[in-house]
Amino acid sequence: MGEILPDGLPAMMAGLLTFQKLGLILLGVVVGLIGGALPGISASVAIALVLPLTFTLDPTSALILLGAIYMAAEYGGSVSAILINTPGTPAAICTALDGHPMAVEGRAREALYVAVIASSIGGLFGVAVLLLFTPPLATFSLAFGAPEMFWLAVAGLAIVCNLAADNFLKGVIAAGIGLWIATIGQDPATGFYRYTYGSYDLEGGVELVPALLGFFAVAQMLTLLGTREGTIAKLTSQAGALGKAVRLPFKQPILTLRSSLIGVIVGVLPGAGASIASFVSYGEAKRFSRNPDNFGKGASEGIFASEAANNAMVGGSLVPLLALGIPGSASAAILFGALTMNGLVPGPQLFAQRGDIAYSFILSFIPIVLVMLLIGLFSSRIYAAVLRVKVDMIVPAVLVLSIIGSYAVRNSVFDVWVTGVCGLAGFFLLRFGFALPPLILGMVLGPLAEDNFRRALTLSSVKDSTLEYFITRPISLVLMIITLLMILSAFWQEIRRRKRLKAQMLQDG
């Protein structure tokens, strides 16, 4: 591994600059952008759809095409999140929190520029880490057992304190609803069915993507039907929007580094994924911000934190895949299949036996990110033109795409009904002032917390003390402390916010 890197690196990089490889990169980026932007067609679905087409390609070319789709799809979800408040991927939920308010304010292009720049920086950071630190990070991922993953999920749920600072009680209720939805279906430990009410369709549980489409896409479209505005938002000239977006990472280098680092670390942990990386990064950005009250109202830092993390996660998720043969996300699992179908066995021997393919695949993400950046920058003006489309045309189009996207997950009509029911529920929750991101966070982290809690209980049965097994392991202890600090910090920020509001009211009065 160490010998291939210095000697073969320039030749491998030069081999990626052929017309064929660049053509595949361009094709993969375009497909990924479209797949990420369309509600329901996430990165994993887009990769799975294209996978059969790679059988005629050589292993390196096949991996390059799939890698380009993976990286671009994680960015593509931000486009629909910003423009129509409908995240194209679960990881873009936090992007919508500030991206759409910016679009409503007439700053759509700035939001789109911030998203693509953040995604590119995060993507390059993840690739650099993957290239230079794969062995130690692979060892680090193995240190996360069931107790550590359980406490990671608990730490993630603590982000609700930051996501719902305006109304903490409603945020907790929304997260509780999400956790309840996550328990529907078969108990993973006992095999008993929970909250199925005799329905065969509910025995498999509620899929995340149909629920996401309902709570965000359908609920948002129902909300738009009640407005008198002809378009979603006003499109202004936005002079200097690109300059503001370019200056942001230089003005806030700590935000840039922290968000990218969170994305890589979460990506390294098998099963965590881009959604958790995005939520954690957004929560930390708000917690350390000098103006936390601006988050959720059009703060470009919120978009940057979310997008840098979910694209840095791509490089992180490939660390356990290539070094250990353990996929770090659903998309990485499909790439695992692509590797094995080409006669490559992911794991410790991959770099020793087929280092040329492994390193060519890693290096290909550099031109992939650059192509994604160029396309994103030049297309932002075109994307923003969607805001000129009449609401009467957007609503039926999004609803149709939501139906198609929900059906495509499992080819199930029941999932379409799930989308419809969740859409109505989301509409009424919004009407009563409930935030929807905490609900989705509960759905994402619920299975992770429950599965690892049950697994840890089973493993602790051979120990003297179950409690000791949960709280004395070093990483578990660190995560517990981080969770406590996040909760205390959120309450402290809420107290400061109320004091500022009270002082402002006294000053205005």
Protein backbone atom coordinates (compact mmCIF):
# COMPACT_ATOMS: atom_id res chain seq x y z
CA MET A 1 0.00 0.00 0.00
CA GLY A 2 2.75 2.39 0.88
CA GLU A 3 4.79 1.51 -2.24
CA ILE A 4 2.02 2.08 -4.77
CA LEU A 5 1.14 5.56 -3.55
CA PRO A 6 4.38 7.43 -4.34
CA ASP A 7 5.41 5.51 -7.47
CA GLY A 8 2.15 4.90 -9.31
CA LEU A 9 0.14 7.96 -8.34
CA PRO A 10 1.04 10.31 -11.26
CA ALA A 11 0.51 7.59 -13.85
CA MET A 12 -2.86 6.66 -12.36
CA MET A 13 -3.95 10.30 -12.33
CA ALA A 14 -2.90 10.70 -15.96
CA GLY A 15 -4.90 7.60 -16.86
CA LEU A 16 -8.05 9.28 -15.57
CA LEU A 17 -7.71 12.18 -18.01
CA THR A 18 -8.63 10.18 -21.12
CA PHE A 19 -11.75 11.04 -23.14
CA GLN A 20 -13.44 7.82 -22.05
CA LYS A 21 -12.86 8.35 -18.33
CA LEU A 22 -13.80 12.04 -18.45
CA GLY A 23 -16.92 11.15 -20.43
CA LEU A 24 -17.93 8.61 -17.80
CA ILE A 25 -17.30 11.17 -15.06
CA LEU A 26 -19.47 13.74 -16.85
CA LEU A 27 -22.23 11.17 -17.40
CA GLY A 28 -22.10 10.01 -13.79
CA VAL A 29 -22.23 13.54 -12.41
CA VAL A 30 -25.24 14.46 -14.56
CA VAL A 31 -27.09 11.26 -13.64
CA GLY A 32 -26.24 11.77 -9.98
CA LEU A 33 -27.42 15.38 -9.98
CA ILE A 34 -30.73 14.41 -11.58
CA GLY A 35 -31.18 11.42 -9.29
CA GLY A 36 -30.38 13.44 -6.19
CA ALA A 37 -32.64 16.34 -7.16
CA LEU A 38 -35.67 14.17 -7.95
CA PRO A 39 -37.64 13.39 -4.77
CA GLY A 40 -37.32 9.72 -3.85
CA ILE A 41 -34.47 8.89 -6.24
CA SER A 42 -31.60 8.95 -3.76
CA ALA A 43 -27.93 8.16 -4.37
CA SER A 44 -28.40 4.45 -3.67
CA VAL A 45 -31.37 4.18 -6.04
CA ALA A 46 -29.54 6.05 -8.81
CA ILE A 47 -26.48 3.79 -8.45
CA ALA A 48 -28.64 0.67 -8.42
CA LEU A 49 -30.44 1.75 -11.61
CA VAL A 50 -27.17 2.31 -13.48
CA LEU A 51 -25.34 -0.74 -12.08
CA PRO A 52 -26.48 -3.18 -14.83
CA LEU A 53 -25.10 -0.81 -17.49
CA THR A 54 -21.58 -1.16 -16.06
CA PHE A 55 -21.27 -4.87 -16.84
CA THR A 56 -19.72 -4.08 -20.22
CA LEU A 57 -17.10 -1.74 -18.73
CA ASP A 58 -13.74 -2.59 -17.25
CA PRO A 59 -13.59 -2.53 -13.41
CA THR A 60 -11.96 0.90 -13.15
CA SER A 61 -14.41 2.56 -15.54
CA ALA A 62 -17.39 0.95 -13.82
CA LEU A 63 -16.30 2.17 -10.41
CA ILE A 64 -15.60 5.67 -11.73
CA LEU A 65 -19.11 5.94 -13.20
CA LEU A 66 -20.78 4.70 -10.00
CA GLY A 67 -18.54 6.87 -7.82
CA ALA A 68 -19.49 9.96 -9.83
CA ILE A 69 -23.18 9.18 -9.33
CA TYR A 70 -22.63 8.67 -5.60
CA MET A 71 -20.84 11.98 -5.08
CA ALA A 72 -23.12 14.08 -7.31
CA ALA A 73 -26.35 12.65 -5.91
CA GLU A 74 -25.41 13.72 -2.38
CA TYR A 75 -25.12 17.28 -3.69
CA GLY A 76 -28.13 17.04 -6.02
CA GLY A 77 -30.55 16.66 -3.13
CA SER A 78 -29.83 20.26 -2.14
CA VAL A 79 -31.26 21.70 -5.37
CA SER A 80 -34.87 20.66 -4.75
CA ALA A 81 -34.43 21.29 -1.02
CA ILE A 82 -33.53 24.93 -1.66
CA LEU A 83 -35.94 25.71 -4.47
CA ILE A 84 -39.15 23.93 -3.45
CA ASN A 85 -38.43 22.91 0.17
CA THR A 86 -38.50 19.26 -0.88
CA PRO A 87 -35.23 17.46 -0.06
CA GLY A 88 -34.23 15.19 -2.93
CA THR A 89 -32.33 12.99 -0.46
CA PRO A 90 -32.72 12.47 3.31
CA ALA A 91 -29.32 14.14 3.83
CA ALA A 92 -30.65 17.41 2.35
CA ILE A 93 -33.26 17.91 5.08
CA CYS A 94 -31.04 20.31 7.00
CA THR A 95 -30.16 22.11 3.76
CA ALA A 96 -33.85 22.90 3.31
CA LEU A 97 -34.05 24.48 6.77
CA ASP A 98 -32.06 27.51 5.62
CA GLY A 99 -31.91 27.03 1.86
CA HIS A 100 -35.60 27.50 1.19
CA PRO A 101 -35.95 30.58 3.43
CA MET A 102 -33.06 32.09 1.45
CA ALA A 103 -34.92 31.31 -1.78
CA VAL A 104 -38.08 32.94 -0.42
CA GLU A 105 -36.01 36.02 0.42
CA GLY A 106 -34.82 36.19 -3.20
CA ARG A 107 -31.38 34.67 -2.46
CA ALA A 108 -31.87 31.36 -4.29
CA ARG A 109 -28.69 31.65 -6.37
CA GLU A 110 -26.57 32.42 -3.33
CA ALA A 111 -28.01 29.36 -1.57
CA LEU A 112 -27.31 27.17 -4.61
CA TYR A 113 -23.76 28.50 -4.90
CA VAL A 114 -23.12 27.85 -1.20
CA ALA A 115 -24.45 24.31 -1.58
CA VAL A 116 -22.21 23.34 -4.50
CA ILE A 117 -19.10 25.01 -3.05
CA ALA A 118 -19.65 23.33 0.32
CA SER A 119 -20.30 19.98 -1.35
CA SER A 120 -17.11 20.30 -3.38
CA ILE A 121 -14.96 21.26 -0.39
CA GLY A 122 -16.42 18.47 1.69
CA GLY A 123 -15.99 16.00 -1.16
CA LEU A 124 -12.33 16.88 -1.68
CA PHE A 125 -11.69 16.73 2.06
CA GLY A 126 -13.20 13.25 2.22
CA VAL A 127 -11.12 12.06 -0.73
CA ALA A 128 -7.91 13.43 0.84
CA VAL A 129 -8.66 11.62 4.08
CA LEU A 130 -9.52 8.43 2.18
CA LEU A 131 -6.26 8.62 0.25
CA LEU A 132 -3.97 9.38 3.18
CA PHE A 133 -5.54 7.90 6.30
CA THR A 134 -7.46 4.78 5.30
CA PRO A 135 -5.62 2.24 7.54
CA PRO A 136 -5.89 4.16 10.86
CA LEU A 137 -9.49 5.18 10.16
CA ALA A 138 -10.41 1.59 9.34
CA THR A 139 -9.00 0.55 12.72
CA PHE A 140 -10.98 3.37 14.35
CA SER A 141 -14.23 2.14 12.77
CA LEU A 142 -13.67 -1.31 14.26
CA ALA A 143 -13.54 0.24 17.73
CA PHE A 144 -17.23 1.18 17.42
CA GLY A 145 -19.20 -1.72 18.80
CA ALA A 146 -22.88 -1.91 19.75
CA PRO A 147 -22.61 0.32 22.88
CA GLU A 148 -20.73 3.02 20.95
CA MET A 149 -23.26 3.02 18.10
CA PHE A 150 -26.11 3.23 20.62
CA TRP A 151 -24.58 6.28 22.31
CA LEU A 152 -23.88 7.79 18.88
CA ALA A 153 -27.60 7.52 18.12
CA VAL A 154 -28.45 9.07 21.49
CA ALA A 155 -26.02 11.91 20.79
CA GLY A 156 -27.72 12.39 17.43
CA LEU A 157 -31.13 12.59 19.08
CA ALA A 158 -29.77 15.31 21.38
CA ILE A 159 -29.54 17.48 18.27
CA VAL A 160 -33.30 17.96 18.63
CA CYS A 161 -32.40 20.53 21.30
CA ASN A 162 -30.81 22.66 18.58
CA LEU A 163 -33.20 21.88 15.73
CA ALA A 164 -36.23 22.92 17.79
CA ALA A 165 -34.85 25.73 19.93
CA ASP A 166 -37.88 27.94 19.16
CA ASN A 167 -40.23 25.39 20.75
CA PHE A 168 -38.34 22.65 22.53
CA LEU A 169 -41.46 20.75 23.68
CA LYS A 170 -42.89 20.50 20.17
CA GLY A 171 -39.48 19.40 18.88
CA VAL A 172 -39.34 16.58 21.43
CA ILE A 173 -42.90 15.53 20.56
CA ALA A 174 -42.02 15.48 16.85
CA ALA A 175 -38.90 13.38 17.54
CA GLY A 176 -41.03 11.04 19.65
CA ILE A 177 -43.46 10.59 16.76
CA GLY A 178 -40.51 9.73 14.53
CA LEU A 179 -39.20 7.20 17.04
CA TRP A 180 -42.66 5.63 17.28
CA ILE A 181 -42.93 5.33 13.49
CA ALA A 182 -39.50 3.66 13.48
CA THR A 183 -40.78 0.93 15.84
CA ILE A 184 -43.66 -0.09 13.56
CA GLY A 185 -43.14 -3.56 12.12
CA GLN A 186 -41.29 -6.63 13.28
CA ASP A 187 -39.25 -6.48 16.45
CA PRO A 188 -35.66 -7.25 15.35
CA ALA A 189 -34.93 -9.21 18.54
CA THR A 190 -38.11 -11.15 19.33
CA GLY A 191 -39.80 -11.33 15.93
CA PHE A 192 -43.10 -10.03 17.32
CA TYR A 193 -45.05 -7.45 15.33
CA ARG A 194 -45.55 -4.01 16.83
CA TYR A 195 -48.24 -1.44 15.98
CA THR A 196 -49.23 -3.27 12.79
CA TYR A 197 -52.92 -3.50 13.78
CA GLY A 198 -53.32 -6.66 11.76
CA SER A 199 -51.98 -5.08 8.56
CA TYR A 200 -49.71 -7.33 6.53
CA ASP A 201 -48.17 -4.30 4.79
CA LEU A 202 -47.07 -2.75 8.08
CA GLU A 203 -45.19 -5.89 9.11
CA GLY A 204 -42.21 -4.68 7.07
CA GLY A 205 -42.24 -1.31 8.80
CA VAL A 206 -42.48 2.20 7.37
CA GLU A 207 -39.80 2.97 4.81
CA LEU A 208 -37.90 6.22 5.33
CA VAL A 209 -38.09 7.53 1.74
CA PRO A 210 -41.91 7.32 1.33
CA ALA A 211 -42.33 8.93 4.75
CA LEU A 212 -39.81 11.64 3.87
CA LEU A 213 -41.61 12.39 0.63
CA GLY A 214 -44.88 12.67 2.50
CA PHE A 215 -43.72 14.83 5.38
CA PHE A 216 -41.76 17.21 3.15
CA ALA A 217 -42.81 17.05 -0.51
CA VAL A 218 -46.56 16.40 -0.15
CA ALA A 219 -46.94 18.54 2.99
CA GLN A 220 -45.12 21.42 1.29
CA MET A 221 -47.27 21.15 -1.82
CA LEU A 222 -50.46 21.12 0.27
CA THR A 223 -49.19 24.23 2.04
CA LEU A 224 -48.53 25.94 -1.30
CA LEU A 225 -52.10 25.23 -2.40
CA GLY A 226 -53.30 27.43 0.43
CA THR A 227 -51.25 30.44 -0.65
CA ARG A 228 -52.28 33.18 -3.04
CA GLU A 229 -48.79 33.63 -4.46
CA GLY A 230 -48.44 32.73 -8.13
CA THR A 231 -44.87 31.44 -7.70
CA ILE A 232 -42.93 29.81 -4.87
CA ALA A 233 -40.61 32.80 -4.41
CA LYS A 234 -39.40 35.90 -6.18
CA LEU A 235 -36.30 35.56 -8.34
CA THR A 236 -34.03 38.60 -8.05
CA SER A 237 -30.80 39.48 -9.87
CA GLN A 238 -28.74 38.75 -6.72
CA ALA A 239 -25.63 40.68 -7.69
CA GLY A 240 -22.57 39.38 -5.89
CA ALA A 241 -24.20 36.08 -4.87
CA LEU A 242 -21.27 34.00 -6.13
CA GLY A 243 -18.74 36.20 -4.35
CA LYS A 244 -20.58 35.80 -1.04
CA ALA A 245 -20.63 32.03 -1.45
CA VAL A 246 -16.93 31.86 -2.35
CA ARG A 247 -15.92 34.02 0.62
CA LEU A 248 -17.91 32.01 3.17
CA PRO A 249 -15.42 29.12 3.69
CA PHE A 250 -12.56 31.63 3.98
CA LYS A 251 -14.48 33.76 6.49
CA GLN A 252 -15.38 30.68 8.55
CA PRO A 253 -12.54 28.16 8.24
CA ILE A 254 -13.47 26.45 11.52
CA LEU A 255 -16.99 25.80 10.20
CA THR A 256 -15.48 24.37 7.01
CA LEU A 257 -13.06 22.08 8.81
CA ARG A 258 -15.53 20.98 11.49
CA SER A 259 -18.31 20.15 9.02
CA SER A 260 -16.01 18.21 6.70
CA LEU A 261 -14.44 16.35 9.61
CA ILE A 262 -17.83 15.39 11.03
CA GLY A 263 -18.84 14.06 7.61
CA VAL A 264 -15.73 11.88 7.35
CA ILE A 265 -16.00 10.53 10.89
CA VAL A 266 -19.69 9.67 10.58
CA GLY A 267 -19.05 8.14 7.14
CA VAL A 268 -16.37 5.86 8.56
CA LEU A 269 -18.89 4.35 11.01
CA PRO A 270 -20.75 1.51 9.25
CA GLY A 271 -24.49 2.11 9.06
CA ALA A 272 -24.45 5.79 10.02
CA GLY A 273 -24.81 7.47 6.60
CA ALA A 274 -25.20 10.95 5.17
CA SER A 275 -28.38 11.84 7.04
CA ILE A 276 -26.71 11.54 10.44
CA ALA A 277 -23.64 13.41 9.19
CA SER A 278 -25.82 16.26 7.97
CA PHE A 279 -27.88 16.50 11.16
CA VAL A 280 -24.83 16.37 13.44
CA SER A 281 -22.93 18.95 11.40
CA TYR A 282 -25.91 21.31 11.25
CA GLY A 283 -26.52 20.99 14.99
CA GLU A 284 -22.89 21.73 15.80
CA ALA A 285 -22.79 24.68 13.40
CA LYS A 286 -25.79 26.20 15.14
CA ARG A 287 -24.40 25.46 18.60
CA PHE A 288 -21.09 27.23 17.91
CA SER A 289 -22.53 30.07 15.82
CA ARG A 290 -22.38 33.65 17.03
CA ASN A 291 -25.91 34.13 15.66
CA PRO A 292 -27.77 30.86 16.32
CA ASP A 293 -31.14 32.61 16.04
CA ASN A 294 -30.54 33.07 12.30
CA PHE A 295 -30.52 29.31 11.69
CA GLY A 296 -33.74 28.12 10.15
CA LYS A 297 -34.41 31.61 8.81
CA GLY A 298 -31.91 31.79 5.97
CA ALA A 299 -28.40 31.31 7.39
CA SER A 300 -25.93 30.34 4.68
CA GLU A 301 -23.79 28.67 7.37
CA GLY A 302 -26.55 26.10 7.86
CA ILE A 303 -26.45 25.12 4.17
CA PHE A 304 -22.68 24.97 4.22
CA ALA A 305 -22.53 22.75 7.31
CA SER A 306 -25.09 20.31 5.94
CA GLU A 307 -23.67 20.02 2.42
CA ALA A 308 -19.99 19.86 3.41
CA ALA A 309 -20.76 17.02 5.81
CA ASN A 310 -22.90 14.86 3.53
CA ASN A 311 -20.34 15.00 0.70
CA ALA A 312 -17.36 14.46 3.00
CA MET A 313 -19.26 11.40 4.18
CA VAL A 314 -18.74 9.82 0.73
CA GLY A 315 -14.98 9.54 1.23
CA GLY A 316 -15.46 8.40 4.81
CA SER A 317 -17.92 5.65 3.85
CA LEU A 318 -15.39 4.21 1.40
CA VAL A 319 -12.77 3.74 4.13
CA PRO A 320 -14.37 0.67 5.76
CA LEU A 321 -15.53 -0.55 2.35
CA LEU A 322 -12.10 -0.62 0.70
CA ALA A 323 -9.98 -1.40 3.76
CA LEU A 324 -12.24 -3.83 5.63
CA GLY A 325 -14.93 -4.92 3.20
CA ILE A 326 -17.61 -3.30 5.40
CA PRO A 327 -19.91 -0.82 3.58
CA GLY A 328 -20.39 2.47 5.44
CA SER A 329 -23.68 3.39 3.75
CA ALA A 330 -26.40 2.01 1.48
CA SER A 331 -24.64 3.42 -1.59
CA ALA A 332 -21.33 1.94 -0.44
CA ALA A 333 -23.08 -1.42 -0.13
CA ILE A 334 -24.02 -1.26 -3.82
CA LEU A 335 -20.44 -0.34 -4.67
CA PHE A 336 -19.42 -3.44 -2.68
CA GLY A 337 -21.54 -5.46 -5.08
CA ALA A 338 -19.95 -3.73 -8.06
CA LEU A 339 -16.48 -4.61 -6.76
CA THR A 340 -17.30 -8.28 -6.22
CA MET A 341 -18.99 -8.60 -9.61
CA ASN A 342 -15.72 -7.46 -11.17
CA GLY A 343 -13.75 -10.09 -9.29
CA LEU A 344 -12.42 -7.66 -6.65
CA VAL A 345 -12.65 -8.54 -2.97
CA PRO A 346 -12.84 -5.45 -0.74
CA GLY A 347 -10.67 -5.74 2.32
CA PRO A 348 -7.06 -5.68 3.46
CA GLN A 349 -5.80 -7.52 0.37
CA LEU A 350 -7.42 -5.19 -2.14
CA PHE A 351 -4.65 -2.58 -2.03
CA ALA A 352 -1.94 -5.23 -2.09
CA GLN A 353 -3.37 -7.29 -4.98
CA ARG A 354 -5.22 -4.66 -7.08
CA GLY A 355 -3.83 -1.39 -5.80
CA ASP A 356 -3.95 0.10 -9.29
CA ILE A 357 -7.74 -0.18 -9.43
CA ALA A 358 -8.26 0.85 -5.79
CA TYR A 359 -6.15 3.99 -6.06
CA SER A 360 -7.49 4.90 -9.50
CA PHE A 361 -10.98 4.73 -8.02
CA ILE A 362 -9.99 6.97 -5.09
CA LEU A 363 -8.15 9.46 -7.31
CA SER A 364 -11.09 9.65 -9.73
CA PHE A 365 -13.06 11.56 -7.10
CA ILE A 366 -10.80 14.58 -7.64
CA PRO A 367 -11.96 15.21 -11.24
CA ILE A 368 -15.46 14.08 -10.22
CA VAL A 369 -15.68 16.84 -7.61
CA LEU A 370 -14.23 19.42 -10.00
CA VAL A 371 -16.74 18.51 -12.73
CA MET A 372 -19.54 18.62 -10.16
CA LEU A 373 -18.39 22.08 -9.04
CA LEU A 374 -18.28 23.45 -12.59
CA ILE A 375 -21.68 22.05 -13.52
CA GLY A 376 -23.18 23.27 -10.26
CA LEU A 377 -21.85 26.79 -10.65
CA PHE A 378 -22.92 27.17 -14.27
CA SER A 379 -26.31 25.51 -13.72
CA SER A 380 -27.36 27.43 -10.61
CA ARG A 381 -28.84 30.21 -12.75
CA ILE A 382 -30.88 27.60 -14.62
CA TYR A 383 -31.97 25.85 -11.42
CA ALA A 384 -33.09 29.13 -9.91
CA ALA A 385 -35.39 29.72 -12.90
CA VAL A 386 -37.66 27.06 -11.41
CA LEU A 387 -38.87 29.76 -9.05
CA ARG A 388 -40.51 31.48 -12.04
CA VAL A 389 -42.72 28.45 -12.68
CA LYS A 390 -46.28 28.87 -11.48
CA VAL A 391 -47.35 27.05 -8.34
CA ASP A 392 -50.25 25.53 -10.31
CA MET A 393 -47.67 23.68 -12.44
CA ILE A 394 -45.14 22.82 -9.73
CA VAL A 395 -47.61 21.24 -7.30
CA PRO A 396 -48.94 18.49 -9.62
CA ALA A 397 -45.43 17.81 -10.99
CA VAL A 398 -43.95 17.33 -7.50
CA LEU A 399 -46.89 15.20 -6.37
CA VAL A 400 -46.48 12.92 -9.39
CA LEU A 401 -42.73 12.61 -8.78
CA SER A 402 -43.44 11.85 -5.12
CA ILE A 403 -45.80 9.05 -6.07
CA ILE A 404 -43.27 7.60 -8.51
CA GLY A 405 -40.43 7.94 -6.01
CA SER A 406 -42.35 6.29 -3.18
CA TYR A 407 -43.47 3.42 -5.41
CA ALA A 408 -39.94 2.86 -6.74
CA VAL A 409 -38.51 2.09 -3.29
CA ARG A 410 -40.11 -1.35 -3.00
CA ASN A 411 -42.46 -1.41 -6.01
CA SER A 412 -45.26 -1.20 -3.47
CA VAL A 413 -48.58 0.64 -3.76
CA PHE A 414 -48.70 0.63 0.04
CA ASP A 415 -45.69 2.98 0.11
CA VAL A 416 -47.69 5.41 -2.01
CA TRP A 417 -50.41 5.36 0.65
CA VAL A 418 -47.71 5.93 3.29
CA THR A 419 -46.58 9.02 1.39
CA GLY A 420 -50.14 10.32 1.24
CA VAL A 421 -50.90 9.74 4.92
CA CYS A 422 -47.57 11.24 6.01
CA GLY A 423 -48.24 14.21 3.73
CA LEU A 424 -51.56 14.95 5.42
CA ALA A 425 -50.03 14.44 8.85
CA GLY A 426 -47.10 16.71 7.96
CA PHE A 427 -49.47 19.40 6.69
CA PHE A 428 -51.37 19.51 9.99
CA LEU A 429 -48.19 19.31 12.06
CA LEU A 430 -46.86 22.37 10.21
CA ARG A 431 -50.15 24.15 10.78
CA PHE A 432 -49.81 23.60 14.53
CA GLY A 433 -46.20 24.82 14.62
CA PHE A 434 -44.34 21.49 14.79
CA ALA A 435 -40.92 21.18 13.15
CA LEU A 436 -40.61 18.18 10.82
CA PRO A 437 -36.79 17.65 10.81
CA PRO A 438 -36.83 16.30 14.42
CA LEU A 439 -39.47 13.79 13.31
CA ILE A 440 -37.29 12.52 10.46
CA LEU A 441 -34.31 12.48 12.81
CA GLY A 442 -36.25 10.16 15.09
CA MET A 443 -37.05 7.86 12.16
CA VAL A 444 -33.40 7.79 11.04
CA LEU A 445 -31.87 7.21 14.46
CA GLY A 446 -34.58 5.03 15.97
CA PRO A 447 -33.53 1.74 14.30
CA LEU A 448 -29.84 2.51 14.88
CA ALA A 449 -30.43 3.08 18.61
CA GLU A 450 -32.75 0.11 19.09
CA ASP A 451 -30.73 -2.46 17.14
CA ASN A 452 -27.48 -1.58 18.88
CA PHE A 453 -29.11 -1.34 22.30
CA ARG A 454 -30.51 -4.85 21.89
CA ARG A 455 -27.19 -6.13 20.58
CA ALA A 456 -25.30 -4.52 23.45
CA LEU A 457 -27.69 -6.07 25.98
CA THR A 458 -27.05 -9.50 24.48
CA LEU A 459 -23.29 -9.01 24.53
CA SER A 460 -23.35 -7.65 28.08
CA SER A 461 -25.01 -10.82 29.35
CA VAL A 462 -21.56 -12.42 29.53
CA LYS A 463 -20.23 -9.49 31.55
CA ASP A 464 -20.55 -8.95 35.27
CA SER A 465 -22.52 -5.73 34.86
CA THR A 466 -24.69 -4.51 31.99
CA LEU A 467 -24.42 -0.92 33.19
CA GLU A 468 -20.64 -1.16 33.28
CA TYR A 469 -20.58 -2.49 29.70
CA PHE A 470 -22.55 0.54 28.52
CA ILE A 471 -20.76 3.37 30.32
CA THR A 472 -17.18 2.34 31.03
CA ARG A 473 -15.92 1.80 27.49
CA PRO A 474 -13.80 4.85 26.55
CA ILE A 475 -15.62 5.85 23.35
CA SER A 476 -19.01 5.33 25.01
CA LEU A 477 -17.97 7.58 27.86
CA VAL A 478 -16.82 10.29 25.47
CA LEU A 479 -20.11 10.13 23.54
CA MET A 480 -22.07 10.34 26.79
CA ILE A 481 -20.16 13.47 27.79
CA ILE A 482 -20.68 14.99 24.33
CA THR A 483 -24.42 14.29 24.57
CA LEU A 484 -24.65 15.95 27.98
CA LEU A 485 -22.70 18.99 26.77
CA MET A 486 -24.95 19.31 23.70
CA ILE A 487 -28.07 19.30 25.86
CA LEU A 488 -26.68 21.77 28.39
CA SER A 489 -25.40 24.03 25.60
CA ALA A 490 -28.80 24.05 23.92
CA PHE A 491 -30.55 25.02 27.15
CA TRP A 492 -27.95 27.73 27.80
CA GLN A 493 -28.48 29.14 24.31
CA GLU A 494 -32.24 29.10 24.86
CA ILE A 495 -31.83 31.05 28.11
CA ARG A 496 -29.60 33.61 26.36
CA ARG A 497 -32.09 33.89 23.49
CA ARG A 498 -34.95 34.63 25.86
CA LYS A 499 -32.87 37.23 27.70
CA ARG A 500 -32.05 38.95 24.37
CA LEU A 501 -35.72 38.94 23.36
CA LYS A 502 -36.74 40.34 26.74
CA ALA A 503 -34.09 43.06 26.54
CA GLN A 504 -35.19 43.93 23.00
CA MET A 505 -38.84 44.14 24.06
CA LEU A 506 -37.93 46.45 26.93
CA GLN A 507 -35.87 48.61 24.58
CA ASP A 508 -38.66 48.79 21.98
CA GLY A 509 -41.25 49.45 24.68
